[in-house]
Amino acid sequence: MYMICRENIILYDRYGTFMSIRERMINSKIKSEEVFLRQCIEFSKKIGSEKWVRKFDKTLMHYMYRNNRRRF
């Protein structure tokens, strides 16, 4: 099971893995997007991928910024 992506665009996803993960996240009431992004950052650190750590960290900062703007 693997996916091929380029600049966040899926080029190959034979089994629909990305879409199934996306659907589960949209429908999930248990885990928030913030928790999910923090787990992605930790996993990326464990596998030693600085590129993905930076990408998920940037995504998390945008998410937190949007949520803070909505509150005011």
Protein backbone atom coordinates (compact mmCIF):
# COMPACT_ATOMS: atom_id res chain seq x y z
CA MET A 1 0.00 0.00 0.00
CA TYR A 2 1.52 3.30 -1.05
CA MET A 3 0.69 6.62 -2.61
CA ILE A 4 2.65 8.85 -4.93
CA CYS A 5 2.17 12.58 -4.32
CA ARG A 6 3.73 15.69 -5.71
CA GLU A 7 3.19 19.03 -3.99
CA ASN A 8 0.16 17.70 -2.08
CA ILE A 9 -1.53 16.40 -5.24
CA ILE A 10 -2.17 12.66 -5.40
CA LEU A 11 -0.74 11.14 -8.56
CA TYR A 12 -1.26 7.48 -7.66
CA ASP A 13 -3.43 5.98 -4.93
CA ARG A 14 -4.33 2.47 -6.05
CA TYR A 15 -6.47 1.52 -3.07
CA GLY A 16 -7.98 4.92 -2.29
CA THR A 17 -6.00 5.17 0.95
CA PHE A 18 -5.86 8.95 1.04
CA MET A 19 -9.57 9.38 0.42
CA SER A 20 -10.48 6.81 3.07
CA ILE A 21 -8.26 8.54 5.64
CA ARG A 22 -9.76 11.88 4.67
CA GLU A 23 -13.32 10.54 5.04
CA ARG A 24 -12.53 9.05 8.45
CA MET A 25 -11.10 12.38 9.63
CA ILE A 26 -14.13 14.33 8.41
CA ASN A 27 -16.54 11.94 10.12
CA SER A 28 -14.47 11.46 13.28
CA LYS A 29 -16.00 12.92 16.41
CA ILE A 30 -13.35 11.49 18.72
CA LYS A 31 -10.15 13.09 17.46
CA SER A 32 -9.82 16.71 16.46
CA GLU A 33 -7.78 17.89 13.51
CA GLU A 34 -5.31 19.50 15.90
CA VAL A 35 -4.64 16.21 17.70
CA PHE A 36 -4.28 14.43 14.37
CA LEU A 37 -1.74 16.98 13.10
CA ARG A 38 0.26 16.73 16.34
CA GLN A 39 0.39 12.95 15.91
CA CYS A 40 1.54 13.39 12.30
CA ILE A 41 4.36 15.64 13.52
CA GLU A 42 5.45 13.09 16.14
CA PHE A 43 5.37 10.23 13.62
CA SER A 44 7.38 12.27 11.10
CA LYS A 45 9.98 12.94 13.80
CA LYS A 46 10.19 9.22 14.59
CA ILE A 47 10.86 8.28 10.97
CA GLY A 48 13.33 11.16 10.62
CA SER A 49 11.55 13.16 7.93
CA GLU A 50 12.30 16.82 8.58
CA LYS A 51 10.43 17.82 5.42
CA TRP A 52 7.16 16.33 6.71
CA VAL A 53 7.74 17.69 10.22
CA ARG A 54 7.93 21.19 8.74
CA LYS A 55 4.91 20.60 6.49
CA PHE A 56 2.67 19.29 9.29
CA ASP A 57 3.92 21.98 11.68
CA LYS A 58 3.04 24.66 9.14
CA THR A 59 -0.40 23.07 8.60
CA LEU A 60 -0.97 22.98 12.37
CA MET A 61 -0.04 26.66 12.71
CA HIS A 62 -2.52 27.58 9.94
CA TYR A 63 -5.21 25.49 11.62
CA MET A 64 -4.62 27.15 15.01
CA TYR A 65 -4.57 30.60 13.41
CA ARG A 66 -7.90 29.96 11.66
CA ASN A 67 -9.52 28.72 14.87
CA ASN A 68 -8.27 31.71 16.86
CA ARG A 69 -9.60 34.10 14.20
CA ARG A 70 -13.03 32.44 14.28
CA ARG A 71 -13.34 32.91 18.05
CA PHE A 72 -13.10 36.70 17.84
